[in-house]
Amino acid sequence: RFHLDLSMSWLIVPAALLIALTSASIGYA
């Protein structure tokens, strides 16, 4: 949509898992 050339990093995997774990833990609380 915005004509961007993004370069992915392997850090996206642990970052996504950390975001999901943190938000889900707060949601469970």
PDB file of all heavy atoms in Angstrom:
ATOM      1  N   ARG A   1       0.830  -1.220   0.000  1.00  0.00           N
ATOM      2  CA  ARG A   1       0.000   0.000   0.000  1.00  0.00           C
ATOM      3  C   ARG A   1       0.856   1.259   0.000  1.00  0.00           C
ATOM      4  O   ARG A   1       0.551   2.235  -0.696  1.00  0.00           O
ATOM      5  CB  ARG A   1      -0.922  -0.021   1.223  1.00  0.00           C
ATOM      6  CG  ARG A   1      -1.616   1.287   1.570  1.00  0.00           C
ATOM      7  CD  ARG A   1      -2.605   1.729   0.496  1.00  0.00           C
ATOM      8  NE  ARG A   1      -3.303   2.926   0.904  1.00  0.00           N
ATOM      9  CZ  ARG A   1      -2.827   4.157   0.798  1.00  0.00           C
ATOM     10  NH1 ARG A   1      -1.597   4.357   0.299  1.00  0.00           N
ATOM     11  NH2 ARG A   1      -3.527   5.201   1.191  1.00  0.00           N
ATOM     12  N   PHE A   2       1.922   1.264   0.780  1.00  0.00           N
ATOM     13  CA  PHE A   2       2.745   2.465   0.915  1.00  0.00           C
ATOM     14  C   PHE A   2       4.070   2.364   0.155  1.00  0.00           C
ATOM     15  O   PHE A   2       4.939   3.224   0.333  1.00  0.00           O
ATOM     16  CB  PHE A   2       3.019   2.745   2.394  1.00  0.00           C
ATOM     17  CG  PHE A   2       1.771   2.967   3.199  1.00  0.00           C
ATOM     18  CD1 PHE A   2       1.367   2.045   4.151  1.00  0.00           C
ATOM     19  CD2 PHE A   2       0.981   4.085   2.999  1.00  0.00           C
ATOM     20  CE1 PHE A   2       0.225   2.243   4.903  1.00  0.00           C
ATOM     21  CE2 PHE A   2      -0.171   4.293   3.744  1.00  0.00           C
ATOM     22  CZ  PHE A   2      -0.551   3.356   4.689  1.00  0.00           C
ATOM     23  N   HIS A   3       4.223   1.311  -0.646  1.00  0.00           N
ATOM     24  CA  HIS A   3       5.398   1.155  -1.515  1.00  0.00           C
ATOM     25  C   HIS A   3       6.691   1.197  -0.704  1.00  0.00           C
ATOM     26  O   HIS A   3       7.610   1.968  -0.994  1.00  0.00           O
ATOM     27  CB  HIS A   3       5.415   2.248  -2.594  1.00  0.00           C
ATOM     28  CG  HIS A   3       4.123   2.360  -3.348  1.00  0.00           C
ATOM     29  ND1 HIS A   3       3.697   1.411  -4.267  1.00  0.00           N
ATOM     30  CD2 HIS A   3       3.147   3.306  -3.307  1.00  0.00           C
ATOM     31  CE1 HIS A   3       2.532   1.771  -4.772  1.00  0.00           C
ATOM     32  NE2 HIS A   3       2.173   2.914  -4.211  1.00  0.00           N
ATOM     33  N   LEU A   4       6.741   0.363   0.300  1.00  0.00           N
ATOM     34  CA  LEU A   4       7.917   0.296   1.158  1.00  0.00           C
ATOM     35  C   LEU A   4       8.719  -0.954   0.848  1.00  0.00           C
ATOM     36  O   LEU A   4       8.165  -1.998   0.488  1.00  0.00           O
ATOM     37  CB  LEU A   4       7.502   0.280   2.635  1.00  0.00           C
ATOM     38  CG  LEU A   4       6.859   1.550   3.184  1.00  0.00           C
ATOM     39  CD1 LEU A   4       6.473   1.331   4.645  1.00  0.00           C
ATOM     40  CD2 LEU A   4       7.784   2.746   3.054  1.00  0.00           C
ATOM     41  N   ASP A   5      10.011  -0.834   1.000  1.00  0.00           N
ATOM     42  CA  ASP A   5      10.921  -1.965   0.850  1.00  0.00           C
ATOM     43  C   ASP A   5      11.450  -2.313   2.229  1.00  0.00           C
ATOM     44  O   ASP A   5      12.421  -1.712   2.712  1.00  0.00           O
ATOM     45  CB  ASP A   5      12.058  -1.614  -0.111  1.00  0.00           C
ATOM     46  CG  ASP A   5      12.950  -2.819  -0.404  1.00  0.00           C
ATOM     47  OD1 ASP A   5      12.517  -3.947  -0.075  1.00  0.00           O
ATOM     48  OD2 ASP A   5      14.061  -2.630  -0.947  1.00  0.00           O
ATOM     49  N   LEU A   6      10.788  -3.253   2.899  1.00  0.00           N
ATOM     50  CA  LEU A   6      11.135  -3.604   4.262  1.00  0.00           C
ATOM     51  C   LEU A   6      12.156  -4.732   4.277  1.00  0.00           C
ATOM     52  O   LEU A   6      12.120  -5.641   3.447  1.00  0.00           O
ATOM     53  CB  LEU A   6       9.888  -4.036   5.029  1.00  0.00           C
ATOM     54  CG  LEU A   6       8.780  -2.985   5.181  1.00  0.00           C
ATOM     55  CD1 LEU A   6       7.586  -3.595   5.908  1.00  0.00           C
ATOM     56  CD2 LEU A   6       9.290  -1.764   5.933  1.00  0.00           C
ATOM     57  N   SER A   7      13.071  -4.661   5.200  1.00  0.00           N
ATOM     58  CA  SER A   7      14.053  -5.733   5.401  1.00  0.00           C
ATOM     59  C   SER A   7      13.765  -6.382   6.754  1.00  0.00           C
ATOM     60  O   SER A   7      13.795  -5.714   7.788  1.00  0.00           O
ATOM     61  CB  SER A   7      15.479  -5.172   5.371  1.00  0.00           C
ATOM     62  OG  SER A   7      15.648  -4.184   6.364  1.00  0.00           O
ATOM     63  N   MET A   8      13.465  -7.664   6.737  1.00  0.00           N
ATOM     64  CA  MET A   8      13.118  -8.388   7.950  1.00  0.00           C
ATOM     65  C   MET A   8      14.372  -8.843   8.694  1.00  0.00           C
ATOM     66  O   MET A   8      15.387  -9.159   8.087  1.00  0.00           O
ATOM     67  CB  MET A   8      12.240  -9.602   7.611  1.00  0.00           C
ATOM     68  CG  MET A   8      10.917  -9.236   6.983  1.00  0.00           C
ATOM     69  SD  MET A   8       9.876  -8.298   8.143  1.00  0.00           S
ATOM     70  CE  MET A   8       8.473  -7.945   7.088  1.00  0.00           C
ATOM     71  N   SER A   9      14.280  -8.858   9.989  1.00  0.00           N
ATOM     72  CA  SER A   9      15.357  -9.330  10.848  1.00  0.00           C
ATOM     73  C   SER A   9      14.869 -10.546  11.626  1.00  0.00           C
ATOM     74  O   SER A   9      13.667 -10.689  11.893  1.00  0.00           O
ATOM     75  CB  SER A   9      15.799  -8.228  11.811  1.00  0.00           C
ATOM     76  OG  SER A   9      16.705  -8.733  12.780  1.00  0.00           O
ATOM     77  N   TRP A  10      15.789 -11.408  12.012  1.00  0.00           N
ATOM     78  CA  TRP A  10      15.405 -12.581  12.796  1.00  0.00           C
ATOM     79  C   TRP A  10      14.891 -12.182  14.176  1.00  0.00           C
ATOM     80  O   TRP A  10      14.212 -12.970  14.844  1.00  0.00           O
ATOM     81  CB  TRP A  10      16.595 -13.521  12.945  1.00  0.00           C
ATOM     82  CG  TRP A  10      17.733 -12.946  13.746  1.00  0.00           C
ATOM     83  CD1 TRP A  10      18.785 -12.229  13.276  1.00  0.00           C
ATOM     84  CD2 TRP A  10      17.910 -13.033  15.161  1.00  0.00           C
ATOM     85  NE1 TRP A  10      19.618 -11.859  14.303  1.00  0.00           N
ATOM     86  CE2 TRP A  10      19.101 -12.340  15.478  1.00  0.00           C
ATOM     87  CE3 TRP A  10      17.193 -13.625  16.196  1.00  0.00           C
ATOM     88  CZ2 TRP A  10      19.575 -12.228  16.780  1.00  0.00           C
ATOM     89  CZ3 TRP A  10      17.655 -13.518  17.498  1.00  0.00           C
ATOM     90  CH2 TRP A  10      18.845 -12.822  17.777  1.00  0.00           C
ATOM     91  N   LEU A  11      15.174 -10.957  14.593  1.00  0.00           N
ATOM     92  CA  LEU A  11      14.701 -10.493  15.898  1.00  0.00           C
ATOM     93  C   LEU A  11      13.190 -10.342  15.958  1.00  0.00           C
ATOM     94  O   LEU A  11      12.626 -10.202  17.048  1.00  0.00           O
ATOM     95  CB  LEU A  11      15.361  -9.152  16.238  1.00  0.00           C
ATOM     96  CG  LEU A  11      16.875  -9.185  16.487  1.00  0.00           C
ATOM     97  CD1 LEU A  11      17.401  -7.774  16.686  1.00  0.00           C
ATOM     98  CD2 LEU A  11      17.194 -10.059  17.692  1.00  0.00           C
ATOM     99  N   ILE A  12      12.527 -10.345  14.777  1.00  0.00           N
ATOM    100  CA  ILE A  12      11.080 -10.199  14.777  1.00  0.00           C
ATOM    101  C   ILE A  12      10.406 -11.378  15.472  1.00  0.00           C
ATOM    102  O   ILE A  12       9.339 -11.234  16.080  1.00  0.00           O
ATOM    103  CB  ILE A  12      10.552 -10.042  13.332  1.00  0.00           C
ATOM    104  CG1 ILE A  12       9.076  -9.625  13.342  1.00  0.00           C
ATOM    105  CG2 ILE A  12      10.729 -11.331  12.547  1.00  0.00           C
ATOM    106  CD1 ILE A  12       8.536  -9.326  11.962  1.00  0.00           C
ATOM    107  N   VAL A  13      11.025 -12.564  15.436  1.00  0.00           N
ATOM    108  CA  VAL A  13      10.430 -13.749  16.058  1.00  0.00           C
ATOM    109  C   VAL A  13      10.441 -13.644  17.584  1.00  0.00           C
ATOM    110  O   VAL A  13       9.384 -13.734  18.220  1.00  0.00           O
ATOM    111  CB  VAL A  13      11.148 -15.018  15.577  1.00  0.00           C
ATOM    112  CG1 VAL A  13      10.597 -16.247  16.305  1.00  0.00           C
ATOM    113  CG2 VAL A  13      10.992 -15.181  14.072  1.00  0.00           C
ATOM    114  N   PRO A  14      11.596 -13.423  18.239  1.00  0.00           N
ATOM    115  CA  PRO A  14      11.544 -13.267  19.705  1.00  0.00           C
ATOM    116  C   PRO A  14      10.784 -12.021  20.132  1.00  0.00           C
ATOM    117  O   PRO A  14      10.147 -12.028  21.196  1.00  0.00           O
ATOM    118  CB  PRO A  14      13.023 -13.190  20.111  1.00  0.00           C
ATOM    119  CG  PRO A  14      13.746 -12.787  18.882  1.00  0.00           C
ATOM    120  CD  PRO A  14      12.988 -13.382  17.743  1.00  0.00           C
ATOM    121  N   ALA A  15      10.818 -10.952  19.314  1.00  0.00           N
ATOM    122  CA  ALA A  15      10.070  -9.747  19.675  1.00  0.00           C
ATOM    123  C   ALA A  15       8.571 -10.014  19.674  1.00  0.00           C
ATOM    124  O   ALA A  15       7.850  -9.599  20.593  1.00  0.00           O
ATOM    125  CB  ALA A  15      10.408  -8.616  18.711  1.00  0.00           C
ATOM    126  N   ALA A  16       8.080 -10.717  18.642  1.00  0.00           N
ATOM    127  CA  ALA A  16       6.646 -11.031  18.578  1.00  0.00           C
ATOM    128  C   ALA A  16       6.237 -11.937  19.732  1.00  0.00           C
ATOM    129  O   ALA A  16       5.176 -11.744  20.346  1.00  0.00           O
ATOM    130  CB  ALA A  16       6.322 -11.687  17.241  1.00  0.00           C
ATOM    131  N   LEU A  17       7.074 -12.923  20.058  1.00  0.00           N
ATOM    132  CA  LEU A  17       6.754 -13.814  21.178  1.00  0.00           C
ATOM    133  C   LEU A  17       6.761 -13.062  22.509  1.00  0.00           C
ATOM    134  O   LEU A  17       5.903 -13.313  23.372  1.00  0.00           O
ATOM    135  CB  LEU A  17       7.750 -14.967  21.222  1.00  0.00           C
ATOM    136  CG  LEU A  17       7.693 -15.947  20.050  1.00  0.00           C
ATOM    137  CD1 LEU A  17       8.790 -17.001  20.187  1.00  0.00           C
ATOM    138  CD2 LEU A  17       6.329 -16.608  19.964  1.00  0.00           C
ATOM    139  N   LEU A  18       7.688 -12.135  22.675  1.00  0.00           N
ATOM    140  CA  LEU A  18       7.756 -11.365  23.913  1.00  0.00           C
ATOM    141  C   LEU A  18       6.536 -10.448  24.050  1.00  0.00           C
ATOM    142  O   LEU A  18       5.967 -10.314  25.144  1.00  0.00           O
ATOM    143  CB  LEU A  18       9.045 -10.543  23.953  1.00  0.00           C
ATOM    144  CG  LEU A  18       9.291  -9.723  25.218  1.00  0.00           C
ATOM    145  CD1 LEU A  18       9.349 -10.628  26.438  1.00  0.00           C
ATOM    146  CD2 LEU A  18      10.579  -8.910  25.089  1.00  0.00           C
ATOM    147  N   ILE A  19       6.130  -9.812  22.947  1.00  0.00           N
ATOM    148  CA  ILE A  19       4.943  -8.953  22.977  1.00  0.00           C
ATOM    149  C   ILE A  19       3.703  -9.770  23.320  1.00  0.00           C
ATOM    150  O   ILE A  19       2.873  -9.373  24.156  1.00  0.00           O
ATOM    151  CB  ILE A  19       4.767  -8.236  21.630  1.00  0.00           C
ATOM    152  CG1 ILE A  19       5.904  -7.240  21.405  1.00  0.00           C
ATOM    153  CG2 ILE A  19       3.422  -7.514  21.558  1.00  0.00           C
ATOM    154  CD1 ILE A  19       5.930  -6.659  20.005  1.00  0.00           C
ATOM    155  N   ALA A  20       3.569 -10.934  22.669  1.00  0.00           N
ATOM    156  CA  ALA A  20       2.406 -11.778  22.925  1.00  0.00           C
ATOM    157  C   ALA A  20       2.393 -12.282  24.364  1.00  0.00           C
ATOM    158  O   ALA A  20       1.344 -12.291  25.025  1.00  0.00           O
ATOM    159  CB  ALA A  20       2.395 -12.951  21.949  1.00  0.00           C
ATOM    160  N   LEU A  21       3.559 -12.692  24.880  1.00  0.00           N
ATOM    161  CA  LEU A  21       3.631 -13.203  26.248  1.00  0.00           C
ATOM    162  C   LEU A  21       3.311 -12.121  27.268  1.00  0.00           C
ATOM    163  O   LEU A  21       2.559 -12.341  28.222  1.00  0.00           O
ATOM    164  CB  LEU A  21       5.023 -13.789  26.507  1.00  0.00           C
ATOM    165  CG  LEU A  21       5.289 -14.305  27.928  1.00  0.00           C
ATOM    166  CD1 LEU A  21       4.339 -15.439  28.253  1.00  0.00           C
ATOM    167  CD2 LEU A  21       6.731 -14.766  28.069  1.00  0.00           C
ATOM    168  N   THR A  22       3.865 -10.917  27.066  1.00  0.00           N
ATOM    169  CA  THR A  22       3.634  -9.824  28.010  1.00  0.00           C
ATOM    170  C   THR A  22       2.163  -9.408  28.032  1.00  0.00           C
ATOM    171  O   THR A  22       1.549  -9.279  29.098  1.00  0.00           O
ATOM    172  CB  THR A  22       4.519  -8.619  27.646  1.00  0.00           C
ATOM    173  OG1 THR A  22       5.882  -9.015  27.623  1.00  0.00           O
ATOM    174  CG2 THR A  22       4.335  -7.502  28.660  1.00  0.00           C
ATOM    175  N   SER A  23       1.587  -9.187  26.860  1.00  0.00           N
ATOM    176  CA  SER A  23       0.188  -8.751  26.804  1.00  0.00           C
ATOM    177  C   SER A  23      -0.755  -9.833  27.308  1.00  0.00           C
ATOM    178  O   SER A  23      -1.725  -9.538  28.017  1.00  0.00           O
ATOM    179  CB  SER A  23      -0.176  -8.345  25.382  1.00  0.00           C
ATOM    180  OG  SER A  23       0.040  -9.419  24.475  1.00  0.00           O
ATOM    181  N   ALA A  24      -0.489 -11.097  26.968  1.00  0.00           N
ATOM    182  CA  ALA A  24      -1.344 -12.178  27.444  1.00  0.00           C
ATOM    183  C   ALA A  24      -1.251 -12.344  28.958  1.00  0.00           C
ATOM    184  O   ALA A  24      -2.249 -12.628  29.621  1.00  0.00           O
ATOM    185  CB  ALA A  24      -0.986 -13.485  26.749  1.00  0.00           C
ATOM    186  N   SER A  25      -0.062 -12.139  29.523  1.00  0.00           N
ATOM    187  CA  SER A  25       0.095 -12.237  30.977  1.00  0.00           C
ATOM    188  C   SER A  25      -0.700 -11.149  31.679  1.00  0.00           C
ATOM    189  O   SER A  25      -1.362 -11.399  32.696  1.00  0.00           O
ATOM    190  CB  SER A  25       1.576 -12.142  31.350  1.00  0.00           C
ATOM    191  OG  SER A  25       2.318 -13.187  30.759  1.00  0.00           O
ATOM    192  N   ILE A  26      -0.649  -9.928  31.135  1.00  0.00           N
ATOM    193  CA  ILE A  26      -1.447  -8.845  31.719  1.00  0.00           C
ATOM    194  C   ILE A  26      -2.933  -9.139  31.563  1.00  0.00           C
ATOM    195  O   ILE A  26      -3.740  -8.904  32.477  1.00  0.00           O
ATOM    196  CB  ILE A  26      -1.086  -7.506  31.059  1.00  0.00           C
ATOM    197  CG1 ILE A  26       0.381  -7.153  31.337  1.00  0.00           C
ATOM    198  CG2 ILE A  26      -1.992  -6.382  31.563  1.00  0.00           C
ATOM    199  CD1 ILE A  26       0.872  -5.923  30.602  1.00  0.00           C
ATOM    200  N   GLY A  27      -3.330  -9.675  30.388  1.00  0.00           N
ATOM    201  CA  GLY A  27      -4.725 -10.029  30.177  1.00  0.00           C
ATOM    202  C   GLY A  27      -5.202 -11.096  31.145  1.00  0.00           C
ATOM    203  O   GLY A  27      -6.320 -11.015  31.680  1.00  0.00           O
ATOM    204  N   TYR A  28      -4.362 -12.102  31.399  1.00  0.00           N
ATOM    205  CA  TYR A  28      -4.713 -13.132  32.369  1.00  0.00           C
ATOM    206  C   TYR A  28      -4.848 -12.548  33.771  1.00  0.00           C
ATOM    207  O   TYR A  28      -5.724 -12.953  34.546  1.00  0.00           O
ATOM    208  CB  TYR A  28      -3.662 -14.234  32.359  1.00  0.00           C
ATOM    209  CG  TYR A  28      -4.002 -15.391  31.447  1.00  0.00           C
ATOM    210  CD1 TYR A  28      -3.524 -15.427  30.139  1.00  0.00           C
ATOM    211  CD2 TYR A  28      -4.801 -16.434  31.885  1.00  0.00           C
ATOM    212  CE1 TYR A  28      -3.833 -16.472  29.298  1.00  0.00           C
ATOM    213  CE2 TYR A  28      -5.108 -17.488  31.047  1.00  0.00           C
ATOM    214  CZ  TYR A  28      -4.624 -17.507  29.751  1.00  0.00           C
ATOM    215  OH  TYR A  28      -4.940 -18.540  28.908  1.00  0.00           O
ATOM    216  N   ALA A  29      -3.962 -11.616  34.119  1.00  0.00           N
ATOM    217  CA  ALA A  29      -4.044 -10.991  35.441  1.00  0.00           C
ATOM    218  C   ALA A  29      -5.359 -10.226  35.603  1.00  0.00           C
ATOM    219  O   ALA A  29      -6.015 -10.303  36.642  1.00  0.00           O
ATOM    220  CB  ALA A  29      -2.856 -10.052  35.637  1.00  0.00           C
TER     221      ALA A  29
END
